[in-house]
Structures are given as C-alpha cells and as structure tokens.
Amino acid sequence: MLVIVTEAIPDRLRGYLSRWLLEVRAGVFLGQYSVRVRDMLVKTITENVEEGNVVVAWSTNNESGFDFETIGKNRRIPVSFEGMKLVSFLPEEVKS
C-alpha cells in the first residue's frame, strides 16, 4: 500500500499524482505499486513540490509494518531512534 498526503502543492503535480493514484480525499492519494514506481513518484514529487509539502508512506517488512519520508518544507521530520523511525518537530520560526 502506498499513501501520499499533500499540502499546498502545484495543481500540475496534483494532476500528475491523480493519474497514478486514487485521490480519496483532497490531497490524499492511495495505490498499490512496486518500489520502482514509488521511487519514480517520489523523484517527480521532489522535483515539483515547490512551496508545498508531502509525506509518502508505504507498507514494508519491518517492525512497524510501514516506512515513510517527508518532502518539502515541513516542521515534522523523520528521525531514527534505536532502529525505529519516529517524527520530530523542528522549532517554530520566530517572526520579528
């Protein structure tokens, strides 16, 4: 299973994703693809995300049963802790 959740991405990228995946809610895409297709989608997202942000999650054979990565500007970043992938928050930017 492949899940992609998007925020503030360009319309052309959203249209591209909708050609490959089912958009079950605004900005939430689902599908079942190989690692090769997932890598191609992640590459395209990375090249076209602009000011938006995306999280890509997929099923895998590990302790938690899934893995994920984030793309674009986002306060949440993946970190490894004793072999598990967790989410850390970056500090908020202070506006002067």
PDB file of N, CA and C in Angstrom:
ATOM      1  N   MET A   1       0.854  -1.176   0.000  1.00  0.00           N
ATOM      2  CA  MET A   1       0.000   0.000   0.000  1.00  0.00           C
ATOM      3  C   MET A   1       0.893   1.229   0.000  1.00  0.00           C
ATOM      4  N   LEU A   2       0.533   2.198  -0.783  1.00  0.00           N
ATOM      5  CA  LEU A   2       1.237   3.463  -0.885  1.00  0.00           C
ATOM      6  C   LEU A   2       0.250   4.574  -0.561  1.00  0.00           C
ATOM      7  N   VAL A   3       0.625   5.459   0.357  1.00  0.00           N
ATOM      8  CA  VAL A   3      -0.216   6.589   0.742  1.00  0.00           C
ATOM      9  C   VAL A   3       0.611   7.860   0.588  1.00  0.00           C
ATOM     10  N   ILE A   4       0.057   8.848  -0.104  1.00  0.00           N
ATOM     11  CA  ILE A   4       0.716  10.140  -0.272  1.00  0.00           C
ATOM     12  C   ILE A   4      -0.254  11.215   0.198  1.00  0.00           C
ATOM     13  N   VAL A   5       0.209  12.044   1.143  1.00  0.00           N
ATOM     14  CA  VAL A   5      -0.604  13.148   1.660  1.00  0.00           C
ATOM     15  C   VAL A   5       0.105  14.442   1.294  1.00  0.00           C
ATOM     16  N   THR A   6      -0.630  15.342   0.655  1.00  0.00           N
ATOM     17  CA  THR A   6      -0.037  16.574   0.145  1.00  0.00           C
ATOM     18  C   THR A   6      -0.687  17.804   0.761  1.00  0.00           C
ATOM     19  N   GLU A   7       0.087  18.889   0.820  1.00  0.00           N
ATOM     20  CA  GLU A   7      -0.413  20.199   1.237  1.00  0.00           C
ATOM     21  C   GLU A   7       0.213  21.255   0.346  1.00  0.00           C
ATOM     22  N   ALA A   8      -0.605  22.125  -0.203  1.00  0.00           N
ATOM     23  CA  ALA A   8      -0.163  23.303  -0.957  1.00  0.00           C
ATOM     24  C   ALA A   8       0.785  22.963  -2.105  1.00  0.00           C
ATOM     25  N   ILE A   9       0.493  21.882  -2.828  1.00  0.00           N
ATOM     26  CA  ILE A   9       1.325  21.536  -3.978  1.00  0.00           C
ATOM     27  C   ILE A   9       0.729  22.173  -5.234  1.00  0.00           C
ATOM     28  N   PRO A  10       1.530  22.348  -6.272  1.00  0.00           N
ATOM     29  CA  PRO A  10       1.010  22.899  -7.527  1.00  0.00           C
ATOM     30  C   PRO A  10      -0.058  21.990  -8.144  1.00  0.00           C
ATOM     31  N   ASP A  11      -1.007  22.598  -8.832  1.00  0.00           N
ATOM     32  CA  ASP A  11      -2.090  21.840  -9.469  1.00  0.00           C
ATOM     33  C   ASP A  11      -1.567  20.794 -10.447  1.00  0.00           C
ATOM     34  N   ARG A  12      -0.501  21.109 -11.172  1.00  0.00           N
ATOM     35  CA  ARG A  12       0.030  20.152 -12.148  1.00  0.00           C
ATOM     36  C   ARG A  12       0.571  18.902 -11.460  1.00  0.00           C
ATOM     37  N   LEU A  13       1.150  19.051 -10.258  1.00  0.00           N
ATOM     38  CA  LEU A  13       1.635  17.886  -9.516  1.00  0.00           C
ATOM     39  C   LEU A  13       0.461  17.073  -8.982  1.00  0.00           C
ATOM     40  N   ARG A  14      -0.560  17.751  -8.527  1.00  0.00           N
ATOM     41  CA  ARG A  14      -1.763  17.044  -8.060  1.00  0.00           C
ATOM     42  C   ARG A  14      -2.399  16.260  -9.209  1.00  0.00           C
ATOM     43  N   GLY A  15      -2.469  16.861 -10.388  1.00  0.00           N
ATOM     44  CA  GLY A  15      -2.995  16.163 -11.554  1.00  0.00           C
ATOM     45  C   GLY A  15      -2.142  14.964 -11.932  1.00  0.00           C
ATOM     46  N   TYR A  16      -0.819  15.118 -11.843  1.00  0.00           N
ATOM     47  CA  TYR A  16       0.092  14.008 -12.141  1.00  0.00           C
ATOM     48  C   TYR A  16      -0.150  12.851 -11.188  1.00  0.00           C
ATOM     49  N   LEU A  17      -0.260  13.133  -9.897  1.00  0.00           N
ATOM     50  CA  LEU A  17      -0.487  12.076  -8.913  1.00  0.00           C
ATOM     51  C   LEU A  17      -1.831  11.386  -9.126  1.00  0.00           C
ATOM     52  N   SER A  18      -2.836  12.165  -9.545  1.00  0.00           N
ATOM     53  CA  SER A  18      -4.165  11.565  -9.751  1.00  0.00           C
ATOM     54  C   SER A  18      -4.190  10.621 -10.954  1.00  0.00           C
ATOM     55  N   ARG A  19      -3.199  10.711 -11.840  1.00  0.00           N
ATOM     56  CA  ARG A  19      -3.102   9.763 -12.947  1.00  0.00           C
ATOM     57  C   ARG A  19      -2.602   8.404 -12.477  1.00  0.00           C
ATOM     58  N   TRP A  20      -1.839   8.384 -11.392  1.00  0.00           N
ATOM     59  CA  TRP A  20      -1.254   7.142 -10.880  1.00  0.00           C
ATOM     60  C   TRP A  20      -2.020   6.566  -9.702  1.00  0.00           C
ATOM     61  N   LEU A  21      -2.613   7.441  -8.888  1.00  0.00           N
ATOM     62  CA  LEU A  21      -3.192   7.020  -7.617  1.00  0.00           C
ATOM     63  C   LEU A  21      -4.633   7.495  -7.500  1.00  0.00           C
ATOM     64  N   LEU A  22      -5.375   6.892  -6.607  1.00  0.00           N
ATOM     65  CA  LEU A  22      -6.753   7.287  -6.332  1.00  0.00           C
ATOM     66  C   LEU A  22      -6.746   8.383  -5.269  1.00  0.00           C
ATOM     67  N   GLU A  23      -7.354   9.533  -5.566  1.00  0.00           N
ATOM     68  CA  GLU A  23      -7.434  10.637  -4.595  1.00  0.00           C
ATOM     69  C   GLU A  23      -8.718  10.449  -3.784  1.00  0.00           C
ATOM     70  N   VAL A  24      -8.582   9.882  -2.575  1.00  0.00           N
ATOM     71  CA  VAL A  24      -9.745   9.541  -1.759  1.00  0.00           C
ATOM     72  C   VAL A  24     -10.282  10.727  -0.965  1.00  0.00           C
ATOM     73  N   ARG A  25      -9.471  11.709  -0.696  1.00  0.00           N
ATOM     74  CA  ARG A  25      -9.834  12.982  -0.082  1.00  0.00           C
ATOM     75  C   ARG A  25      -8.940  14.021  -0.727  1.00  0.00           C
ATOM     76  N   ALA A  26      -9.255  15.272  -0.532  1.00  0.00           N
ATOM     77  CA  ALA A  26      -8.425  16.328  -1.117  1.00  0.00           C
ATOM     78  C   ALA A  26      -6.985  16.185  -0.622  1.00  0.00           C
ATOM     79  N   GLY A  27      -6.073  15.919  -1.537  1.00  0.00           N
ATOM     80  CA  GLY A  27      -4.661  15.826  -1.206  1.00  0.00           C
ATOM     81  C   GLY A  27      -4.213  14.499  -0.620  1.00  0.00           C
ATOM     82  N   VAL A  28      -5.084  13.490  -0.563  1.00  0.00           N
ATOM     83  CA  VAL A  28      -4.731  12.171  -0.017  1.00  0.00           C
ATOM     84  C   VAL A  28      -4.861  11.142  -1.147  1.00  0.00           C
ATOM     85  N   PHE A  29      -3.738  10.532  -1.507  1.00  0.00           N
ATOM     86  CA  PHE A  29      -3.677   9.613  -2.636  1.00  0.00           C
ATOM     87  C   PHE A  29      -3.314   8.208  -2.146  1.00  0.00           C
ATOM     88  N   LEU A  30      -3.978   7.182  -2.720  1.00  0.00           N
ATOM     89  CA  LEU A  30      -3.737   5.787  -2.355  1.00  0.00           C
ATOM     90  C   LEU A  30      -3.464   4.951  -3.594  1.00  0.00           C
ATOM     91  N   GLY A  31      -2.620   3.920  -3.415  1.00  0.00           N
ATOM     92  CA  GLY A  31      -2.368   2.993  -4.503  1.00  0.00           C
ATOM     93  C   GLY A  31      -1.536   1.815  -4.033  1.00  0.00           C
ATOM     94  N   GLN A  32      -1.325   0.886  -4.937  1.00  0.00           N
ATOM     95  CA  GLN A  32      -0.517  -0.305  -4.657  1.00  0.00           C
ATOM     96  C   GLN A  32       0.472  -0.438  -5.806  1.00  0.00           C
ATOM     97  N   TYR A  33       1.742  -0.061  -5.572  1.00  0.00           N
ATOM     98  CA  TYR A  33       2.738  -0.071  -6.629  1.00  0.00           C
ATOM     99  C   TYR A  33       4.041  -0.673  -6.159  1.00  0.00           C
ATOM    100  N   SER A  34       4.900  -0.983  -7.123  1.00  0.00           N
ATOM    101  CA  SER A  34       6.227  -1.533  -6.848  1.00  0.00           C
ATOM    102  C   SER A  34       7.155  -0.441  -6.312  1.00  0.00           C
ATOM    103  N   VAL A  35       8.296  -0.872  -5.804  1.00  0.00           N
ATOM    104  CA  VAL A  35       9.305   0.063  -5.311  1.00  0.00           C
ATOM    105  C   VAL A  35       9.775   0.969  -6.448  1.00  0.00           C
ATOM    106  N   ARG A  36       9.906   0.414  -7.634  1.00  0.00           N
ATOM    107  CA  ARG A  36      10.366   1.203  -8.787  1.00  0.00           C
ATOM    108  C   ARG A  36       9.408   2.353  -9.096  1.00  0.00           C
ATOM    109  N   VAL A  37       8.118   2.080  -9.116  1.00  0.00           N
ATOM    110  CA  VAL A  37       7.127   3.129  -9.389  1.00  0.00           C
ATOM    111  C   VAL A  37       7.108   4.138  -8.241  1.00  0.00           C
ATOM    112  N   ARG A  38       7.171   3.635  -6.994  1.00  0.00           N
ATOM    113  CA  ARG A  38       7.193   4.552  -5.845  1.00  0.00           C
ATOM    114  C   ARG A  38       8.383   5.499  -5.934  1.00  0.00           C
ATOM    115  N   ASP A  39       9.563   4.974  -6.259  1.00  0.00           N
ATOM    116  CA  ASP A  39      10.753   5.816  -6.383  1.00  0.00           C
ATOM    117  C   ASP A  39      10.591   6.856  -7.486  1.00  0.00           C
ATOM    118  N   MET A  40       9.963   6.468  -8.597  1.00  0.00           N
ATOM    119  CA  MET A  40       9.710   7.411  -9.688  1.00  0.00           C
ATOM    120  C   MET A  40       8.751   8.516  -9.224  1.00  0.00           C
ATOM    121  N   LEU A  41       7.704   8.140  -8.488  1.00  0.00           N
ATOM    122  CA  LEU A  41       6.757   9.134  -7.975  1.00  0.00           C
ATOM    123  C   LEU A  41       7.436  10.084  -6.993  1.00  0.00           C
ATOM    124  N   VAL A  42       8.264   9.551  -6.091  1.00  0.00           N
ATOM    125  CA  VAL A  42       8.966  10.387  -5.113  1.00  0.00           C
ATOM    126  C   VAL A  42       9.908  11.354  -5.828  1.00  0.00           C
ATOM    127  N   LYS A  43      10.600  10.886  -6.855  1.00  0.00           N
ATOM    128  CA  LYS A  43      11.504  11.764  -7.622  1.00  0.00           C
ATOM    129  C   LYS A  43      10.717  12.902  -8.266  1.00  0.00           C
ATOM    130  N   THR A  44       9.584  12.592  -8.879  1.00  0.00           N
ATOM    131  CA  THR A  44       8.756  13.610  -9.518  1.00  0.00           C
ATOM    132  C   THR A  44       8.211  14.595  -8.489  1.00  0.00           C
ATOM    133  N   ILE A  45       7.761  14.094  -7.349  1.00  0.00           N
ATOM    134  CA  ILE A  45       7.263  14.969  -6.287  1.00  0.00           C
ATOM    135  C   ILE A  45       8.365  15.906  -5.813  1.00  0.00           C
ATOM    136  N   THR A  46       9.558  15.364  -5.553  1.00  0.00           N
ATOM    137  CA  THR A  46      10.687  16.155  -5.068  1.00  0.00           C
ATOM    138  C   THR A  46      11.043  17.279  -6.039  1.00  0.00           C
ATOM    139  N   GLU A  47      10.988  16.994  -7.322  1.00  0.00           N
ATOM    140  CA  GLU A  47      11.339  17.984  -8.344  1.00  0.00           C
ATOM    141  C   GLU A  47      10.267  19.044  -8.533  1.00  0.00           C
ATOM    142  N   ASN A  48       9.025  18.781  -8.124  1.00  0.00           N
ATOM    143  CA  ASN A  48       7.917  19.685  -8.438  1.00  0.00           C
ATOM    144  C   ASN A  48       7.129  20.185  -7.234  1.00  0.00           C
ATOM    145  N   VAL A  49       7.575  19.933  -6.012  1.00  0.00           N
ATOM    146  CA  VAL A  49       6.785  20.266  -4.826  1.00  0.00           C
ATOM    147  C   VAL A  49       6.700  21.774  -4.573  1.00  0.00           C
ATOM    148  N   GLU A  50       7.685  22.536  -5.039  1.00  0.00           N
ATOM    149  CA  GLU A  50       7.755  23.989  -4.845  1.00  0.00           C
ATOM    150  C   GLU A  50       7.600  24.342  -3.372  1.00  0.00           C
ATOM    151  N   GLU A  51       6.603  25.149  -2.985  1.00  0.00           N
ATOM    152  CA  GLU A  51       6.440  25.586  -1.599  1.00  0.00           C
ATOM    153  C   GLU A  51       5.590  24.632  -0.765  1.00  0.00           C
ATOM    154  N   GLY A  52       5.068  23.579  -1.376  1.00  0.00           N
ATOM    155  CA  GLY A  52       4.210  22.640  -0.663  1.00  0.00           C
ATOM    156  C   GLY A  52       5.013  21.635   0.143  1.00  0.00           C
ATOM    157  N   ASN A  53       4.295  20.684   0.737  1.00  0.00           N
ATOM    158  CA  ASN A  53       4.958  19.601   1.443  1.00  0.00           C
ATOM    159  C   ASN A  53       4.157  18.323   1.273  1.00  0.00           C
ATOM    160  N   VAL A  54       4.872  17.215   1.372  1.00  0.00           N
ATOM    161  CA  VAL A  54       4.290  15.906   1.080  1.00  0.00           C
ATOM    162  C   VAL A  54       4.868  14.892   2.057  1.00  0.00           C
ATOM    163  N   VAL A  55       4.041  13.951   2.474  1.00  0.00           N
ATOM    164  CA  VAL A  55       4.524  12.773   3.183  1.00  0.00           C
ATOM    165  C   VAL A  55       4.124  11.553   2.356  1.00  0.00           C
ATOM    166  N   VAL A  56       5.088  10.657   2.164  1.00  0.00           N
ATOM    167  CA  VAL A  56       4.864   9.429   1.414  1.00  0.00           C
ATOM    168  C   VAL A  56       5.077   8.270   2.387  1.00  0.00           C
ATOM    169  N   ALA A  57       4.070   7.412   2.519  1.00  0.00           N
ATOM    170  CA  ALA A  57       4.161   6.250   3.409  1.00  0.00           C
ATOM    171  C   ALA A  57       3.830   4.989   2.624  1.00  0.00           C
ATOM    172  N   TRP A  58       4.492   3.887   2.970  1.00  0.00           N
ATOM    173  CA  TRP A  58       4.269   2.639   2.255  1.00  0.00           C
ATOM    174  C   TRP A  58       4.453   1.451   3.196  1.00  0.00           C
ATOM    175  N   SER A  59       3.820   0.350   2.822  1.00  0.00           N
ATOM    176  CA  SER A  59       3.961  -0.901   3.566  1.00  0.00           C
ATOM    177  C   SER A  59       5.340  -1.482   3.319  1.00  0.00           C
ATOM    178  N   THR A  60       5.923  -2.056   4.368  1.00  0.00           N
ATOM    179  CA  THR A  60       7.211  -2.721   4.230  1.00  0.00           C
ATOM    180  C   THR A  60       7.342  -3.771   5.321  1.00  0.00           C
ATOM    181  N   ASN A  61       8.334  -4.612   5.176  1.00  0.00           N
ATOM    182  CA  ASN A  61       8.536  -5.703   6.126  1.00  0.00           C
ATOM    183  C   ASN A  61       9.523  -5.268   7.213  1.00  0.00           C
ATOM    184  N   ASN A  62       9.045  -4.486   8.188  1.00  0.00           N
ATOM    185  CA  ASN A  62       9.850  -4.112   9.353  1.00  0.00           C
ATOM    186  C   ASN A  62       8.968  -4.196  10.600  1.00  0.00           C
ATOM    187  N   GLU A  63       9.502  -3.759  11.734  1.00  0.00           N
ATOM    188  CA  GLU A  63       8.778  -3.899  12.995  1.00  0.00           C
ATOM    189  C   GLU A  63       7.447  -3.170  12.985  1.00  0.00           C
ATOM    190  N   SER A  64       7.399  -1.988  12.418  1.00  0.00           N
ATOM    191  CA  SER A  64       6.162  -1.195  12.414  1.00  0.00           C
ATOM    192  C   SER A  64       5.248  -1.543  11.239  1.00  0.00           C
ATOM    193  N   GLY A  65       5.781  -2.186  10.208  1.00  0.00           N
ATOM    194  CA  GLY A  65       4.966  -2.574   9.057  1.00  0.00           C
ATOM    195  C   GLY A  65       4.863  -1.501   7.983  1.00  0.00           C
ATOM    196  N   PHE A  66       5.502  -0.363   8.198  1.00  0.00           N
ATOM    197  CA  PHE A  66       5.476   0.718   7.217  1.00  0.00           C
ATOM    198  C   PHE A  66       6.748   1.541   7.328  1.00  0.00           C
ATOM    199  N   ASP A  67       6.971   2.363   6.315  1.00  0.00           N
ATOM    200  CA  ASP A  67       8.058   3.336   6.318  1.00  0.00           C
ATOM    201  C   ASP A  67       7.514   4.598   5.677  1.00  0.00           C
ATOM    202  N   PHE A  68       8.201   5.712   5.838  1.00  0.00           N
ATOM    203  CA  PHE A  68       7.724   6.973   5.279  1.00  0.00           C
ATOM    204  C   PHE A  68       8.872   7.941   5.089  1.00  0.00           C
ATOM    205  N   GLU A  69       8.622   8.963   4.271  1.00  0.00           N
ATOM    206  CA  GLU A  69       9.548  10.077   4.124  1.00  0.00           C
ATOM    207  C   GLU A  69       8.755  11.349   3.881  1.00  0.00           C
ATOM    208  N   THR A  70       9.363  12.468   4.230  1.00  0.00           N
ATOM    209  CA  THR A  70       8.721  13.758   4.014  1.00  0.00           C
ATOM    210  C   THR A  70       9.489  14.509   2.937  1.00  0.00           C
ATOM    211  N   ILE A  71       8.762  15.333   2.192  1.00  0.00           N
ATOM    212  CA  ILE A  71       9.346  16.108   1.100  1.00  0.00           C
ATOM    213  C   ILE A  71       8.813  17.522   1.214  1.00  0.00           C
ATOM    214  N   GLY A  72       9.683  18.517   1.076  1.00  0.00           N
ATOM    215  CA  GLY A  72       9.259  19.909   1.118  1.00  0.00           C
ATOM    216  C   GLY A  72       9.409  20.505   2.503  1.00  0.00           C
ATOM    217  N   LYS A  73       8.947  21.745   2.627  1.00  0.00           N
ATOM    218  CA  LYS A  73       9.056  22.469   3.896  1.00  0.00           C
ATOM    219  C   LYS A  73       8.006  21.951   4.862  1.00  0.00           C
ATOM    220  N   ASN A  74       8.478  21.446   6.007  1.00  0.00           N
ATOM    221  CA  ASN A  74       7.573  20.857   6.979  1.00  0.00           C
ATOM    222  C   ASN A  74       8.272  20.861   8.325  1.00  0.00           C
ATOM    223  N   ARG A  75       7.553  21.140   9.400  1.00  0.00           N
ATOM    224  CA  ARG A  75       8.142  21.089  10.745  1.00  0.00           C
ATOM    225  C   ARG A  75       8.369  19.665  11.213  1.00  0.00           C
ATOM    226  N   ARG A  76       7.667  18.716  10.645  1.00  0.00           N
ATOM    227  CA  ARG A  76       7.815  17.316  11.052  1.00  0.00           C
ATOM    228  C   ARG A  76       8.873  16.642  10.179  1.00  0.00           C
ATOM    229  N   ILE A  77       9.865  16.043  10.828  1.00  0.00           N
ATOM    230  CA  ILE A  77      10.914  15.348  10.087  1.00  0.00           C
ATOM    231  C   ILE A  77      11.102  13.951  10.667  1.00  0.00           C
ATOM    232  N   PRO A  78      11.380  12.970   9.816  1.00  0.00           N
ATOM    233  CA  PRO A  78      11.626  11.623  10.317  1.00  0.00           C
ATOM    234  C   PRO A  78      13.005  11.518  10.968  1.00  0.00           C
ATOM    235  N   VAL A  79      13.081  10.813  12.089  1.00  0.00           N
ATOM    236  CA  VAL A  79      14.351  10.545  12.762  1.00  0.00           C
ATOM    237  C   VAL A  79      14.368   9.077  13.186  1.00  0.00           C
ATOM    238  N   SER A  80      15.550   8.476  13.162  1.00  0.00           N
ATOM    239  CA  SER A  80      15.689   7.094  13.622  1.00  0.00           C
ATOM    240  C   SER A  80      16.071   7.104  15.100  1.00  0.00           C
ATOM    241  N   PHE A  81      15.405   6.267  15.869  1.00  0.00           N
ATOM    242  CA  PHE A  81      15.687   6.137  17.297  1.00  0.00           C
ATOM    243  C   PHE A  81      15.689   4.657  17.630  1.00  0.00           C
ATOM    244  N   GLU A  82      16.868   4.124  17.905  1.00  0.00           N
ATOM    245  CA  GLU A  82      17.041   2.716  18.241  1.00  0.00           C
ATOM    246  C   GLU A  82      16.369   1.794  17.216  1.00  0.00           C
ATOM    247  N   GLY A  83      16.553   2.106  15.936  1.00  0.00           N
ATOM    248  CA  GLY A  83      16.029   1.263  14.871  1.00  0.00           C
ATOM    249  C   GLY A  83      14.593   1.544  14.464  1.00  0.00           C
ATOM    250  N   MET A  84      13.911   2.425  15.176  1.00  0.00           N
ATOM    251  CA  MET A  84      12.540   2.799  14.811  1.00  0.00           C
ATOM    252  C   MET A  84      12.541   4.189  14.204  1.00  0.00           C
ATOM    253  N   LYS A  85      11.679   4.403  13.248  1.00  0.00           N
ATOM    254  CA  LYS A  85      11.542   5.720  12.652  1.00  0.00           C
ATOM    255  C   LYS A  85      10.426   6.457  13.384  1.00  0.00           C
ATOM    256  N   LEU A  86      10.764   7.619  13.923  1.00  0.00           N
ATOM    257  CA  LEU A  86       9.812   8.457  14.648  1.00  0.00           C
ATOM    258  C   LEU A  86       9.734   9.811  13.981  1.00  0.00           C
ATOM    259  N   VAL A  87       8.870  10.683  14.498  1.00  0.00           N
ATOM    260  CA  VAL A  87       8.702  12.020  13.943  1.00  0.00           C
ATOM    261  C   VAL A  87       9.167  13.041  14.975  1.00  0.00           C
ATOM    262  N   SER A  88      10.010  13.958  14.532  1.00  0.00           N
ATOM    263  CA  SER A  88      10.490  15.042  15.381  1.00  0.00           C
ATOM    264  C   SER A  88       9.957  16.356  14.827  1.00  0.00           C
ATOM    265  N   PHE A  89       9.745  17.314  15.702  1.00  0.00           N
ATOM    266  CA  PHE A  89       9.277  18.630  15.288  1.00  0.00           C
ATOM    267  C   PHE A  89      10.445  19.615  15.305  1.00  0.00           C
ATOM    268  N   LEU A  90      10.595  20.361  14.220  1.00  0.00           N
ATOM    269  CA  LEU A  90      11.561  21.449  14.200  1.00  0.00           C
ATOM    270  C   LEU A  90      10.959  22.620  14.968  1.00  0.00           C
ATOM    271  N   PRO A  91      11.806  23.468  15.561  1.00  0.00           N
ATOM    272  CA  PRO A  91      11.256  24.628  16.274  1.00  0.00           C
ATOM    273  C   PRO A  91      10.531  25.570  15.319  1.00  0.00           C
ATOM    274  N   GLU A  92       9.512  26.254  15.834  1.00  0.00           N
ATOM    275  CA  GLU A  92       8.782  27.228  15.017  1.00  0.00           C
ATOM    276  C   GLU A  92       9.691  28.396  14.696  1.00  0.00           C
ATOM    277  N   GLU A  93       9.498  28.964  13.483  1.00  0.00           N
ATOM    278  CA  GLU A  93      10.257  30.144  13.103  1.00  0.00           C
ATOM    279  C   GLU A  93       9.667  31.339  13.826  1.00  0.00           C
ATOM    280  N   VAL A  94      10.559  32.160  14.392  1.00  0.00           N
ATOM    281  CA  VAL A  94      10.105  33.352  15.107  1.00  0.00           C
ATOM    282  C   VAL A  94      10.036  34.504  14.117  1.00  0.00           C
ATOM    283  N   LYS A  95       8.855  35.144  14.036  1.00  0.00           N
ATOM    284  CA  LYS A  95       8.687  36.292  13.150  1.00  0.00           C
ATOM    285  C   LYS A  95       8.977  37.556  13.923  1.00  0.00           C
ATOM    286  N   SER A  96       9.828  38.418  13.346  1.00  0.00           N
ATOM    287  CA  SER A  96      10.184  39.673  14.025  1.00  0.00           C
ATOM    288  C   SER A  96       9.272  40.793  13.613  1.00  0.00           C
TER     289      SER A  96
END
